Amino acid sequence: MKKGVQKEAGDRVLLPTTTQVIEIKNLVSKRITVSETKSKKETEKLAQSFNPVKNKIDGRVAEIPNNTIGKIYGHQGYDITQIIEHIPTLFETSMLGWSEPEIQREGKKYHPNIKEYHHYINKFFDGTGEYFIRFTLSEEKAKPGKIGKNKIHSTAISCTTVYKNGDGSQRIRGIDPGEASSSPFLDLRLAEFFNFVKQD
């Protein structure tokens, strides 16, 4: 994994290598069992037992706040409550795709307490389809000599076929795990990551 400098932020940021992009695109799917749909309360209660979760590849430890569960519960598309039990394992075995600093963007709320966002990616098969899941972690700023907390900020679940087809025409928010529509959900951030191979 090579490091680069994001000039607009002046911070060091992890950039993907071609090899890394290919490895993530070719991840072996984790086979998971889909459970019954759960209520928001049931989902949040189950998620309380997850903390903390540690990534087995790079050792990063993350928390899953209840407000994150509440946020992704309300999304349309893939019913994350049916696979909520597998979220810890899916994060623990995911690969870091890229990191980016918190910077001020026009029209976006600035979070001065956030140092970086880290995007971890995994792949799973639920018995009927194959999906990518992208975890976005927010790393809080910390005092010198200390490590800021990492919190899973959001998830995005998308069918792997949309990337094989190269369909980049859909403009759908990357933080959503899916959309209730005839078109499959395309995670634009993940699509940009995969396209890095062509640009490298």
N, C-alpha and C. Protein backbone atom coordinates (compact mmCIF):
# COMPACT_ATOMS: atom_id res chain seq x y z
N MET A 1 0.85 -1.19 0.00
CA MET A 1 0.00 0.00 0.00
C MET A 1 0.89 1.24 0.00
N LYS A 2 0.74 2.09 -0.94
CA LYS A 2 1.60 3.25 -1.00
C LYS A 2 0.93 4.45 -0.36
N LYS A 3 1.75 5.35 0.17
CA LYS A 3 1.22 6.55 0.82
C LYS A 3 1.41 7.74 -0.08
N GLY A 4 0.47 8.65 -0.03
CA GLY A 4 0.57 9.85 -0.84
C GLY A 4 0.18 11.06 -0.01
N VAL A 5 0.21 12.19 -0.62
CA VAL A 5 -0.13 13.43 0.08
C VAL A 5 -1.32 14.06 -0.62
N GLN A 6 -2.35 14.36 0.15
CA GLN A 6 -3.51 15.06 -0.40
C GLN A 6 -3.23 16.55 -0.22
N LYS A 7 -2.93 17.23 -1.30
CA LYS A 7 -2.46 18.61 -1.23
C LYS A 7 -3.49 19.54 -0.60
N GLU A 8 -4.78 19.35 -0.90
CA GLU A 8 -5.78 20.28 -0.38
C GLU A 8 -5.92 20.21 1.13
N ALA A 9 -5.58 19.06 1.72
CA ALA A 9 -5.71 18.92 3.16
C ALA A 9 -4.38 19.03 3.88
N GLY A 10 -3.30 18.73 3.17
CA GLY A 10 -1.99 18.75 3.79
C GLY A 10 -1.76 17.57 4.71
N ASP A 11 -2.62 16.57 4.67
CA ASP A 11 -2.50 15.40 5.53
C ASP A 11 -2.06 14.20 4.70
N ARG A 12 -1.38 13.26 5.38
CA ARG A 12 -1.02 12.02 4.70
C ARG A 12 -2.26 11.15 4.59
N VAL A 13 -2.43 10.53 3.44
CA VAL A 13 -3.60 9.69 3.24
C VAL A 13 -3.18 8.43 2.52
N LEU A 14 -3.81 7.32 2.89
CA LEU A 14 -3.49 6.04 2.27
C LEU A 14 -4.17 5.95 0.92
N LEU A 15 -3.37 5.68 -0.10
CA LEU A 15 -3.89 5.52 -1.45
C LEU A 15 -3.79 4.05 -1.84
N PRO A 16 -4.75 3.55 -2.60
CA PRO A 16 -4.71 2.14 -2.98
C PRO A 16 -3.67 1.87 -4.05
N THR A 17 -3.10 0.68 -4.01
CA THR A 17 -2.25 0.22 -5.09
C THR A 17 -3.12 -0.62 -6.03
N THR A 18 -2.65 -0.83 -7.24
CA THR A 18 -3.39 -1.65 -8.19
C THR A 18 -3.61 -3.05 -7.63
N THR A 19 -2.56 -3.60 -7.01
CA THR A 19 -2.65 -4.94 -6.42
C THR A 19 -3.74 -5.00 -5.36
N GLN A 20 -3.79 -3.97 -4.52
CA GLN A 20 -4.78 -3.93 -3.44
C GLN A 20 -6.19 -3.88 -3.99
N VAL A 21 -6.40 -3.06 -5.02
CA VAL A 21 -7.73 -2.96 -5.63
C VAL A 21 -8.15 -4.31 -6.19
N ILE A 22 -7.24 -4.98 -6.87
CA ILE A 22 -7.55 -6.29 -7.46
C ILE A 22 -7.85 -7.31 -6.37
N GLU A 23 -7.07 -7.29 -5.27
CA GLU A 23 -7.29 -8.22 -4.16
C GLU A 23 -8.69 -8.04 -3.57
N ILE A 24 -9.10 -6.80 -3.39
CA ILE A 24 -10.42 -6.53 -2.80
C ILE A 24 -11.52 -6.94 -3.78
N LYS A 25 -11.34 -6.63 -5.05
CA LYS A 25 -12.35 -6.98 -6.04
C LYS A 25 -12.51 -8.50 -6.12
N ASN A 26 -11.43 -9.23 -5.87
CA ASN A 26 -11.45 -10.69 -5.98
C ASN A 26 -11.56 -11.39 -4.63
N LEU A 27 -12.01 -10.66 -3.61
CA LEU A 27 -12.21 -11.28 -2.29
C LEU A 27 -13.11 -12.51 -2.41
N VAL A 28 -12.80 -13.53 -1.63
CA VAL A 28 -13.66 -14.71 -1.57
C VAL A 28 -14.86 -14.37 -0.69
N SER A 29 -16.05 -14.64 -1.18
CA SER A 29 -17.27 -14.29 -0.44
C SER A 29 -17.41 -15.10 0.84
N LYS A 30 -17.78 -14.40 1.91
CA LYS A 30 -18.11 -15.09 3.16
C LYS A 30 -19.55 -15.58 3.03
N ARG A 31 -19.78 -16.85 3.26
CA ARG A 31 -21.14 -17.40 3.18
C ARG A 31 -21.84 -17.14 4.50
N ILE A 32 -22.97 -16.44 4.44
CA ILE A 32 -23.71 -16.12 5.66
C ILE A 32 -25.16 -16.58 5.53
N THR A 33 -25.79 -16.75 6.67
CA THR A 33 -27.19 -17.18 6.71
C THR A 33 -28.07 -15.98 7.01
N VAL A 34 -29.10 -15.81 6.21
CA VAL A 34 -30.05 -14.70 6.41
C VAL A 34 -31.05 -15.09 7.48
N SER A 35 -31.31 -14.19 8.43
CA SER A 35 -32.27 -14.45 9.50
C SER A 35 -33.55 -13.69 9.25
N GLU A 36 -34.44 -13.72 10.21
CA GLU A 36 -35.71 -13.00 10.11
C GLU A 36 -35.48 -11.49 10.22
N THR A 37 -36.36 -10.73 9.60
CA THR A 37 -36.31 -9.27 9.73
C THR A 37 -36.56 -8.88 11.19
N LYS A 38 -35.80 -7.90 11.68
CA LYS A 38 -35.91 -7.49 13.07
C LYS A 38 -36.38 -6.04 13.17
N SER A 39 -36.94 -5.70 14.31
CA SER A 39 -37.33 -4.31 14.56
C SER A 39 -36.08 -3.50 14.87
N LYS A 40 -36.23 -2.18 14.87
CA LYS A 40 -35.11 -1.31 15.19
C LYS A 40 -34.60 -1.58 16.60
N LYS A 41 -35.52 -1.76 17.53
CA LYS A 41 -35.15 -2.02 18.92
C LYS A 41 -34.39 -3.33 19.05
N GLU A 42 -34.86 -4.37 18.38
CA GLU A 42 -34.19 -5.67 18.42
C GLU A 42 -32.80 -5.58 17.80
N THR A 43 -32.70 -4.84 16.71
CA THR A 43 -31.42 -4.69 16.01
C THR A 43 -30.41 -3.96 16.88
N GLU A 44 -30.84 -2.86 17.51
CA GLU A 44 -29.93 -2.08 18.36
C GLU A 44 -29.51 -2.89 19.59
N LYS A 45 -30.43 -3.66 20.15
CA LYS A 45 -30.10 -4.47 21.33
C LYS A 45 -29.05 -5.51 21.00
N LEU A 46 -29.21 -6.15 19.85
CA LEU A 46 -28.25 -7.16 19.41
C LEU A 46 -26.89 -6.53 19.15
N ALA A 47 -26.88 -5.34 18.56
CA ALA A 47 -25.63 -4.67 18.21
C ALA A 47 -24.84 -4.21 19.44
N GLN A 48 -25.51 -4.06 20.59
CA GLN A 48 -24.82 -3.63 21.80
C GLN A 48 -23.76 -4.64 22.24
N SER A 49 -23.93 -5.88 21.84
CA SER A 49 -22.99 -6.93 22.24
C SER A 49 -21.78 -7.00 21.31
N PHE A 50 -21.76 -6.19 20.27
CA PHE A 50 -20.68 -6.26 19.28
C PHE A 50 -19.38 -5.60 19.75
N ASN A 51 -19.50 -4.56 20.57
CA ASN A 51 -18.33 -3.72 20.86
C ASN A 51 -17.34 -4.36 21.81
N PRO A 52 -16.03 -4.12 21.55
CA PRO A 52 -15.51 -3.55 20.31
C PRO A 52 -15.26 -4.66 19.29
N VAL A 53 -15.03 -4.27 18.04
CA VAL A 53 -14.69 -5.24 17.00
C VAL A 53 -13.29 -4.90 16.48
N LYS A 54 -12.48 -5.92 16.26
CA LYS A 54 -11.09 -5.72 15.85
C LYS A 54 -10.84 -6.34 14.48
N ASN A 55 -10.30 -5.56 13.57
CA ASN A 55 -9.99 -6.07 12.25
C ASN A 55 -8.78 -7.01 12.35
N LYS A 56 -8.92 -8.21 11.81
CA LYS A 56 -7.88 -9.23 11.92
C LYS A 56 -6.69 -8.97 11.00
N ILE A 57 -6.87 -8.12 10.00
CA ILE A 57 -5.80 -7.87 9.05
C ILE A 57 -4.86 -6.77 9.52
N ASP A 58 -5.41 -5.63 9.97
CA ASP A 58 -4.53 -4.54 10.38
C ASP A 58 -4.64 -4.17 11.86
N GLY A 59 -5.52 -4.85 12.60
CA GLY A 59 -5.61 -4.64 14.04
C GLY A 59 -6.42 -3.44 14.49
N ARG A 60 -7.03 -2.72 13.56
CA ARG A 60 -7.82 -1.54 13.96
C ARG A 60 -9.04 -1.98 14.75
N VAL A 61 -9.26 -1.32 15.88
CA VAL A 61 -10.41 -1.61 16.75
C VAL A 61 -11.46 -0.53 16.54
N ALA A 62 -12.70 -0.96 16.37
CA ALA A 62 -13.79 -0.01 16.11
C ALA A 62 -14.99 -0.30 17.00
N GLU A 63 -15.73 0.76 17.26
CA GLU A 63 -16.99 0.65 17.99
C GLU A 63 -18.14 0.80 16.99
N ILE A 64 -19.29 0.24 17.34
CA ILE A 64 -20.48 0.40 16.51
C ILE A 64 -21.53 1.12 17.36
N PRO A 65 -21.61 2.44 17.26
CA PRO A 65 -22.58 3.19 18.07
C PRO A 65 -24.02 2.84 17.71
N ASN A 66 -24.91 2.98 18.69
CA ASN A 66 -26.32 2.70 18.45
C ASN A 66 -26.91 3.62 17.38
N ASN A 67 -26.44 4.87 17.33
CA ASN A 67 -27.01 5.78 16.33
C ASN A 67 -26.65 5.35 14.90
N THR A 68 -25.53 4.63 14.75
CA THR A 68 -25.18 4.09 13.44
C THR A 68 -26.18 3.00 13.04
N ILE A 69 -26.50 2.12 14.00
CA ILE A 69 -27.47 1.06 13.73
C ILE A 69 -28.82 1.67 13.38
N GLY A 70 -29.22 2.70 14.13
CA GLY A 70 -30.49 3.36 13.86
C GLY A 70 -30.53 4.00 12.49
N LYS A 71 -29.39 4.54 12.06
CA LYS A 71 -29.32 5.21 10.76
C LYS A 71 -29.43 4.21 9.61
N ILE A 72 -28.68 3.11 9.68
CA ILE A 72 -28.71 2.15 8.58
C ILE A 72 -29.98 1.31 8.60
N TYR A 73 -30.64 1.24 9.77
CA TYR A 73 -31.90 0.50 9.85
C TYR A 73 -32.95 1.14 8.94
N GLY A 74 -32.97 2.45 8.87
CA GLY A 74 -33.99 3.16 8.11
C GLY A 74 -33.77 3.17 6.61
N HIS A 75 -32.64 2.68 6.13
CA HIS A 75 -32.38 2.69 4.70
C HIS A 75 -33.20 1.65 3.96
N GLN A 76 -33.59 2.00 2.76
CA GLN A 76 -34.31 1.06 1.91
C GLN A 76 -33.29 0.22 1.15
N GLY A 77 -33.75 -0.86 0.57
CA GLY A 77 -32.85 -1.73 -0.19
C GLY A 77 -32.56 -3.00 0.58
N TYR A 78 -31.31 -3.39 0.65
CA TYR A 78 -30.94 -4.63 1.35
C TYR A 78 -31.29 -4.50 2.83
N ASP A 79 -32.01 -5.49 3.35
CA ASP A 79 -32.45 -5.46 4.75
C ASP A 79 -31.30 -5.89 5.65
N ILE A 80 -30.59 -4.92 6.19
CA ILE A 80 -29.40 -5.22 6.99
C ILE A 80 -29.76 -5.92 8.30
N THR A 81 -31.03 -5.80 8.75
CA THR A 81 -31.42 -6.47 10.00
C THR A 81 -31.35 -7.99 9.85
N GLN A 82 -31.44 -8.48 8.62
CA GLN A 82 -31.40 -9.93 8.39
C GLN A 82 -29.99 -10.51 8.43
N ILE A 83 -28.99 -9.62 8.40
CA ILE A 83 -27.60 -10.09 8.47
C ILE A 83 -26.83 -9.40 9.59
N ILE A 84 -27.54 -8.72 10.48
CA ILE A 84 -26.90 -7.94 11.52
C ILE A 84 -25.96 -8.78 12.39
N GLU A 85 -26.30 -10.04 12.60
CA GLU A 85 -25.47 -10.92 13.42
C GLU A 85 -24.08 -11.12 12.83
N HIS A 86 -23.95 -10.91 11.52
CA HIS A 86 -22.68 -11.16 10.82
C HIS A 86 -21.82 -9.90 10.69
N ILE A 87 -22.33 -8.75 11.12
CA ILE A 87 -21.58 -7.50 10.97
C ILE A 87 -20.21 -7.56 11.64
N PRO A 88 -20.07 -8.06 12.88
CA PRO A 88 -18.74 -8.13 13.49
C PRO A 88 -17.75 -8.94 12.65
N THR A 89 -18.16 -10.12 12.22
CA THR A 89 -17.26 -10.98 11.42
C THR A 89 -16.93 -10.35 10.09
N LEU A 90 -17.92 -9.71 9.47
CA LEU A 90 -17.67 -9.07 8.17
C LEU A 90 -16.68 -7.91 8.31
N PHE A 91 -16.75 -7.17 9.43
CA PHE A 91 -15.76 -6.11 9.62
C PHE A 91 -14.40 -6.70 9.97
N GLU A 92 -14.39 -7.68 10.87
CA GLU A 92 -13.12 -8.26 11.32
C GLU A 92 -12.30 -8.85 10.17
N THR A 93 -12.97 -9.33 9.14
CA THR A 93 -12.27 -9.97 8.02
C THR A 93 -12.23 -9.09 6.77
N SER A 94 -12.60 -7.81 6.92
CA SER A 94 -12.60 -6.89 5.77
C SER A 94 -11.19 -6.34 5.54
N MET A 95 -10.99 -5.78 4.34
CA MET A 95 -9.71 -5.18 3.98
C MET A 95 -9.85 -3.67 3.87
N LEU A 96 -8.82 -2.95 4.34
CA LEU A 96 -8.82 -1.50 4.20
C LEU A 96 -8.66 -1.15 2.73
N GLY A 97 -9.61 -0.36 2.22
CA GLY A 97 -9.52 0.09 0.84
C GLY A 97 -8.75 1.39 0.74
N TRP A 98 -9.22 2.42 1.44
CA TRP A 98 -8.55 3.71 1.42
C TRP A 98 -8.95 4.53 2.63
N SER A 99 -8.15 5.56 2.90
CA SER A 99 -8.40 6.49 4.00
C SER A 99 -8.37 7.90 3.45
N GLU A 100 -9.12 8.77 4.08
CA GLU A 100 -9.15 10.17 3.64
C GLU A 100 -9.36 11.06 4.84
N PRO A 101 -8.70 12.23 4.85
CA PRO A 101 -8.85 13.14 5.99
C PRO A 101 -10.19 13.86 5.94
N GLU A 102 -10.61 14.38 7.07
CA GLU A 102 -11.80 15.23 7.13
C GLU A 102 -11.40 16.61 6.62
N ILE A 103 -12.03 17.04 5.53
CA ILE A 103 -11.73 18.36 4.99
C ILE A 103 -13.04 19.12 4.78
N GLN A 104 -12.92 20.43 4.75
CA GLN A 104 -14.10 21.28 4.54
C GLN A 104 -14.50 21.25 3.07
N ARG A 105 -15.72 20.81 2.80
CA ARG A 105 -16.24 20.79 1.44
C ARG A 105 -17.47 21.67 1.36
N GLU A 106 -17.61 22.34 0.26
CA GLU A 106 -18.74 23.24 0.07
C GLU A 106 -20.06 22.47 0.16
N GLY A 107 -20.97 22.99 0.98
CA GLY A 107 -22.28 22.36 1.12
C GLY A 107 -22.30 21.18 2.06
N LYS A 108 -21.15 20.83 2.66
CA LYS A 108 -21.07 19.70 3.58
C LYS A 108 -20.70 20.20 4.97
N LYS A 109 -21.25 19.53 5.98
CA LYS A 109 -20.94 19.89 7.36
C LYS A 109 -19.52 19.45 7.70
N TYR A 110 -18.77 20.33 8.31
CA TYR A 110 -17.39 20.02 8.71
C TYR A 110 -17.39 19.46 10.12
N HIS A 111 -16.61 18.39 10.33
CA HIS A 111 -16.52 17.75 11.64
C HIS A 111 -15.09 17.94 12.17
N PRO A 112 -14.84 19.00 12.94
CA PRO A 112 -13.48 19.29 13.41
C PRO A 112 -12.89 18.25 14.35
N ASN A 113 -13.74 17.40 14.93
CA ASN A 113 -13.25 16.37 15.85
C ASN A 113 -12.82 15.10 15.12
N ILE A 114 -13.01 15.03 13.80
CA ILE A 114 -12.67 13.84 13.02
C ILE A 114 -11.33 14.05 12.32
N LYS A 115 -10.42 13.09 12.49
CA LYS A 115 -9.11 13.14 11.84
C LYS A 115 -9.19 12.55 10.43
N GLU A 116 -9.74 11.34 10.34
CA GLU A 116 -9.79 10.64 9.06
C GLU A 116 -11.01 9.73 8.98
N TYR A 117 -11.34 9.35 7.75
CA TYR A 117 -12.34 8.31 7.50
C TYR A 117 -11.62 7.14 6.84
N HIS A 118 -11.92 5.93 7.30
CA HIS A 118 -11.29 4.73 6.77
C HIS A 118 -12.38 3.83 6.18
N HIS A 119 -12.16 3.38 4.96
CA HIS A 119 -13.15 2.57 4.26
C HIS A 119 -12.65 1.12 4.15
N TYR A 120 -13.40 0.22 4.80
CA TYR A 120 -13.08 -1.21 4.79
C TYR A 120 -14.10 -1.94 3.93
N ILE A 121 -13.65 -2.94 3.19
CA ILE A 121 -14.51 -3.62 2.23
C ILE A 121 -14.45 -5.13 2.43
N ASN A 122 -15.61 -5.76 2.30
CA ASN A 122 -15.69 -7.22 2.35
C ASN A 122 -16.73 -7.67 1.34
N LYS A 123 -16.82 -8.98 1.17
CA LYS A 123 -17.76 -9.55 0.21
C LYS A 123 -18.48 -10.72 0.89
N PHE A 124 -19.80 -10.84 0.66
CA PHE A 124 -20.53 -11.96 1.24
C PHE A 124 -21.55 -12.52 0.26
N PHE A 125 -21.92 -13.77 0.51
CA PHE A 125 -22.94 -14.46 -0.28
C PHE A 125 -24.03 -14.91 0.69
N ASP A 126 -25.28 -14.49 0.44
CA ASP A 126 -26.37 -14.76 1.38
C ASP A 126 -27.27 -15.92 0.96
N GLY A 127 -26.81 -16.72 0.01
CA GLY A 127 -27.61 -17.86 -0.46
C GLY A 127 -28.29 -17.59 -1.77
N THR A 128 -28.51 -16.31 -2.09
CA THR A 128 -29.16 -15.96 -3.36
C THR A 128 -28.34 -14.98 -4.19
N GLY A 129 -27.53 -14.16 -3.54
CA GLY A 129 -26.75 -13.17 -4.27
C GLY A 129 -25.43 -12.86 -3.59
N GLU A 130 -24.51 -12.25 -4.35
CA GLU A 130 -23.19 -11.89 -3.84
C GLU A 130 -23.12 -10.37 -3.72
N TYR A 131 -22.61 -9.89 -2.58
CA TYR A 131 -22.62 -8.46 -2.30
C TYR A 131 -21.28 -7.98 -1.74
N PHE A 132 -20.98 -6.70 -2.03
CA PHE A 132 -19.90 -6.01 -1.34
C PHE A 132 -20.52 -5.25 -0.19
N ILE A 133 -19.81 -5.19 0.93
CA ILE A 133 -20.21 -4.33 2.03
C ILE A 133 -19.03 -3.42 2.35
N ARG A 134 -19.30 -2.11 2.36
CA ARG A 134 -18.26 -1.13 2.68
C ARG A 134 -18.58 -0.49 4.03
N PHE A 135 -17.63 -0.60 4.95
CA PHE A 135 -17.75 0.04 6.26
C PHE A 135 -16.97 1.35 6.22
N THR A 136 -17.61 2.44 6.63
CA THR A 136 -16.90 3.71 6.78
C THR A 136 -16.68 3.97 8.26
N LEU A 137 -15.42 4.09 8.65
CA LEU A 137 -15.07 4.36 10.04
C LEU A 137 -14.62 5.81 10.16
N SER A 138 -15.06 6.47 11.22
CA SER A 138 -14.58 7.82 11.51
C SER A 138 -13.59 7.71 12.67
N GLU A 139 -12.38 8.22 12.44
CA GLU A 139 -11.35 8.22 13.48
C GLU A 139 -11.30 9.59 14.12
N GLU A 140 -11.53 9.63 15.43
CA GLU A 140 -11.54 10.90 16.14
C GLU A 140 -10.12 11.40 16.38
N LYS A 141 -9.98 12.71 16.44
CA LYS A 141 -8.69 13.29 16.78
C LYS A 141 -8.39 12.98 18.23
N ALA A 142 -7.11 12.84 18.54
CA ALA A 142 -6.71 12.51 19.91
C ALA A 142 -5.56 13.41 20.35
N LYS A 143 -5.36 13.49 21.64
CA LYS A 143 -4.25 14.25 22.19
C LYS A 143 -2.93 13.55 21.84
N PRO A 144 -1.83 14.28 21.80
CA PRO A 144 -0.53 13.67 21.46
C PRO A 144 -0.23 12.45 22.32
N GLY A 145 0.22 11.39 21.69
CA GLY A 145 0.55 10.16 22.40
C GLY A 145 -0.62 9.23 22.63
N LYS A 146 -1.81 9.66 22.23
CA LYS A 146 -2.99 8.81 22.40
C LYS A 146 -3.62 8.50 21.05
N ILE A 147 -4.44 7.47 21.02
CA ILE A 147 -5.10 7.05 19.79
C ILE A 147 -6.57 7.43 19.84
N GLY A 148 -7.04 8.07 18.79
CA GLY A 148 -8.45 8.46 18.74
C GLY A 148 -9.35 7.25 18.49
N LYS A 149 -10.55 7.31 19.02
CA LYS A 149 -11.49 6.22 18.83
C LYS A 149 -11.91 6.11 17.37
N ASN A 150 -12.12 4.87 16.93
CA ASN A 150 -12.66 4.60 15.60
C ASN A 150 -14.09 4.12 15.77
N LYS A 151 -14.99 4.72 15.04
CA LYS A 151 -16.39 4.33 15.12
C LYS A 151 -16.92 4.01 13.72
N ILE A 152 -17.67 2.92 13.62
CA ILE A 152 -18.29 2.60 12.33
C ILE A 152 -19.40 3.60 12.10
N HIS A 153 -19.21 4.43 11.12
CA HIS A 153 -20.08 5.57 10.84
C HIS A 153 -21.26 5.18 9.96
N SER A 154 -21.00 4.30 8.98
CA SER A 154 -22.06 3.87 8.07
C SER A 154 -21.63 2.63 7.30
N THR A 155 -22.58 2.06 6.58
CA THR A 155 -22.29 0.92 5.71
C THR A 155 -22.94 1.15 4.36
N ALA A 156 -22.43 0.45 3.36
CA ALA A 156 -23.05 0.47 2.03
C ALA A 156 -22.98 -0.96 1.50
N ILE A 157 -24.13 -1.50 1.11
CA ILE A 157 -24.20 -2.87 0.59
C ILE A 157 -24.64 -2.81 -0.86
N SER A 158 -23.86 -3.41 -1.74
CA SER A 158 -24.17 -3.35 -3.17
C SER A 158 -23.87 -4.69 -3.82
N CYS A 159 -24.70 -5.06 -4.79
CA CYS A 159 -24.55 -6.32 -5.51
C CYS A 159 -23.28 -6.27 -6.36
N THR A 160 -22.51 -7.34 -6.36
CA THR A 160 -21.24 -7.35 -7.10
C THR A 160 -21.44 -7.22 -8.60
N THR A 161 -22.61 -7.59 -9.11
CA THR A 161 -22.82 -7.57 -10.56
C THR A 161 -22.79 -6.16 -11.14
N VAL A 162 -23.12 -5.13 -10.36
CA VAL A 162 -23.13 -3.77 -10.92
C VAL A 162 -21.73 -3.30 -11.27
N TYR A 163 -20.72 -3.88 -10.62
CA TYR A 163 -19.34 -3.51 -10.93
C TYR A 163 -18.81 -4.32 -12.10
N LYS A 164 -19.29 -5.55 -12.24
CA LYS A 164 -18.88 -6.37 -13.38
C LYS A 164 -19.43 -5.80 -14.68
N ASN A 165 -20.62 -5.21 -14.59
CA ASN A 165 -21.24 -4.63 -15.77
C ASN A 165 -20.68 -3.26 -16.11
N GLY A 166 -19.95 -2.68 -15.15
CA GLY A 166 -19.35 -1.36 -15.38
C GLY A 166 -20.37 -0.25 -15.45
N ASP A 167 -21.50 -0.42 -14.80
CA ASP A 167 -22.55 0.60 -14.84
C ASP A 167 -22.25 1.68 -13.82
N GLY A 168 -21.82 2.84 -14.27
CA GLY A 168 -21.51 3.94 -13.36
C GLY A 168 -22.44 5.11 -13.54
N SER A 169 -23.64 4.85 -14.07
CA SER A 169 -24.54 5.95 -14.41
C SER A 169 -25.45 6.37 -13.28
N GLN A 170 -25.60 5.52 -12.25
CA GLN A 170 -26.56 5.82 -11.19
C GLN A 170 -25.96 6.76 -10.15
N ARG A 171 -26.71 7.78 -9.80
CA ARG A 171 -26.25 8.73 -8.78
C ARG A 171 -27.00 8.45 -7.49
N ILE A 172 -26.45 7.59 -6.66
CA ILE A 172 -27.10 7.20 -5.42
C ILE A 172 -26.14 7.45 -4.27
N ARG A 173 -26.65 7.94 -3.15
CA ARG A 173 -25.80 8.25 -2.01
C ARG A 173 -25.01 7.02 -1.57
N GLY A 174 -23.71 7.20 -1.39
CA GLY A 174 -22.85 6.09 -1.00
C GLY A 174 -23.12 5.57 0.39
N ILE A 175 -23.74 6.36 1.27
CA ILE A 175 -23.96 5.90 2.63
C ILE A 175 -25.15 4.97 2.73
N ASP A 176 -25.95 4.90 1.68
CA ASP A 176 -27.12 4.03 1.72
C ASP A 176 -26.74 2.60 1.34
N PRO A 177 -27.26 1.59 2.07
CA PRO A 177 -26.97 0.22 1.68
C PRO A 177 -27.75 -0.22 0.46
N GLY A 178 -28.74 0.52 0.04
CA GLY A 178 -29.51 0.13 -1.13
C GLY A 178 -30.66 1.07 -1.37
N GLU A 179 -31.32 0.89 -2.47
CA GLU A 179 -32.48 1.72 -2.81
C GLU A 179 -33.61 0.81 -3.28
N ALA A 180 -34.84 1.16 -2.91
CA ALA A 180 -36.00 0.38 -3.35
C ALA A 180 -36.39 0.86 -4.74
N SER A 181 -35.76 0.29 -5.74
CA SER A 181 -36.04 0.66 -7.12
C SER A 181 -35.71 -0.52 -8.02
N SER A 182 -36.06 -0.40 -9.30
CA SER A 182 -35.79 -1.48 -10.23
C SER A 182 -34.31 -1.58 -10.56
N SER A 183 -33.55 -0.51 -10.36
CA SER A 183 -32.12 -0.52 -10.65
C SER A 183 -31.35 -0.94 -9.40
N PRO A 184 -30.32 -1.78 -9.56
CA PRO A 184 -29.53 -2.18 -8.40
C PRO A 184 -28.74 -1.00 -7.86
N PHE A 185 -28.50 -1.03 -6.56
CA PHE A 185 -27.75 0.03 -5.91
C PHE A 185 -26.28 0.00 -6.33
N LEU A 186 -25.75 1.15 -6.68
CA LEU A 186 -24.34 1.28 -7.02
C LEU A 186 -23.67 2.18 -5.98
N ASP A 187 -22.69 1.64 -5.27
CA ASP A 187 -21.92 2.41 -4.30
C ASP A 187 -20.87 3.20 -5.10
N LEU A 188 -21.10 4.49 -5.27
CA LEU A 188 -20.23 5.30 -6.11
C LEU A 188 -18.81 5.38 -5.58
N ARG A 189 -18.66 5.42 -4.25
CA ARG A 189 -17.31 5.48 -3.69
C ARG A 189 -16.53 4.20 -4.01
N LEU A 190 -17.21 3.08 -3.93
CA LEU A 190 -16.57 1.80 -4.24
C LEU A 190 -16.26 1.70 -5.73
N ALA A 191 -17.16 2.20 -6.56
CA ALA A 191 -16.94 2.20 -8.00
C ALA A 191 -15.70 3.02 -8.35
N GLU A 192 -15.53 4.17 -7.70
CA GLU A 192 -14.36 5.02 -7.93
C GLU A 192 -13.09 4.29 -7.50
N PHE A 193 -13.19 3.56 -6.39
CA PHE A 193 -12.04 2.79 -5.89
C PHE A 193 -11.62 1.73 -6.91
N PHE A 194 -12.60 0.99 -7.45
CA PHE A 194 -12.28 -0.03 -8.44
C PHE A 194 -11.71 0.58 -9.72
N ASN A 195 -12.19 1.76 -10.07
CA ASN A 195 -11.70 2.43 -11.28
C ASN A 195 -10.28 2.96 -11.13
N PHE A 196 -9.76 2.93 -9.90
CA PHE A 196 -8.40 3.40 -9.66
C PHE A 196 -7.40 2.58 -10.45
N VAL A 197 -7.73 1.30 -10.69
CA VAL A 197 -6.85 0.42 -11.47
C VAL A 197 -6.62 1.00 -12.86
N LYS A 198 -7.68 1.51 -13.46
CA LYS A 198 -7.59 2.05 -14.81
C LYS A 198 -6.80 3.35 -14.83
N GLN A 199 -6.85 4.09 -13.71
CA GLN A 199 -6.19 5.39 -13.67
C GLN A 199 -4.73 5.29 -13.26
N ASP A 200 -4.37 4.18 -12.58
CA ASP A 200 -3.02 4.06 -12.02
C ASP A 200 -1.98 3.92 -13.14
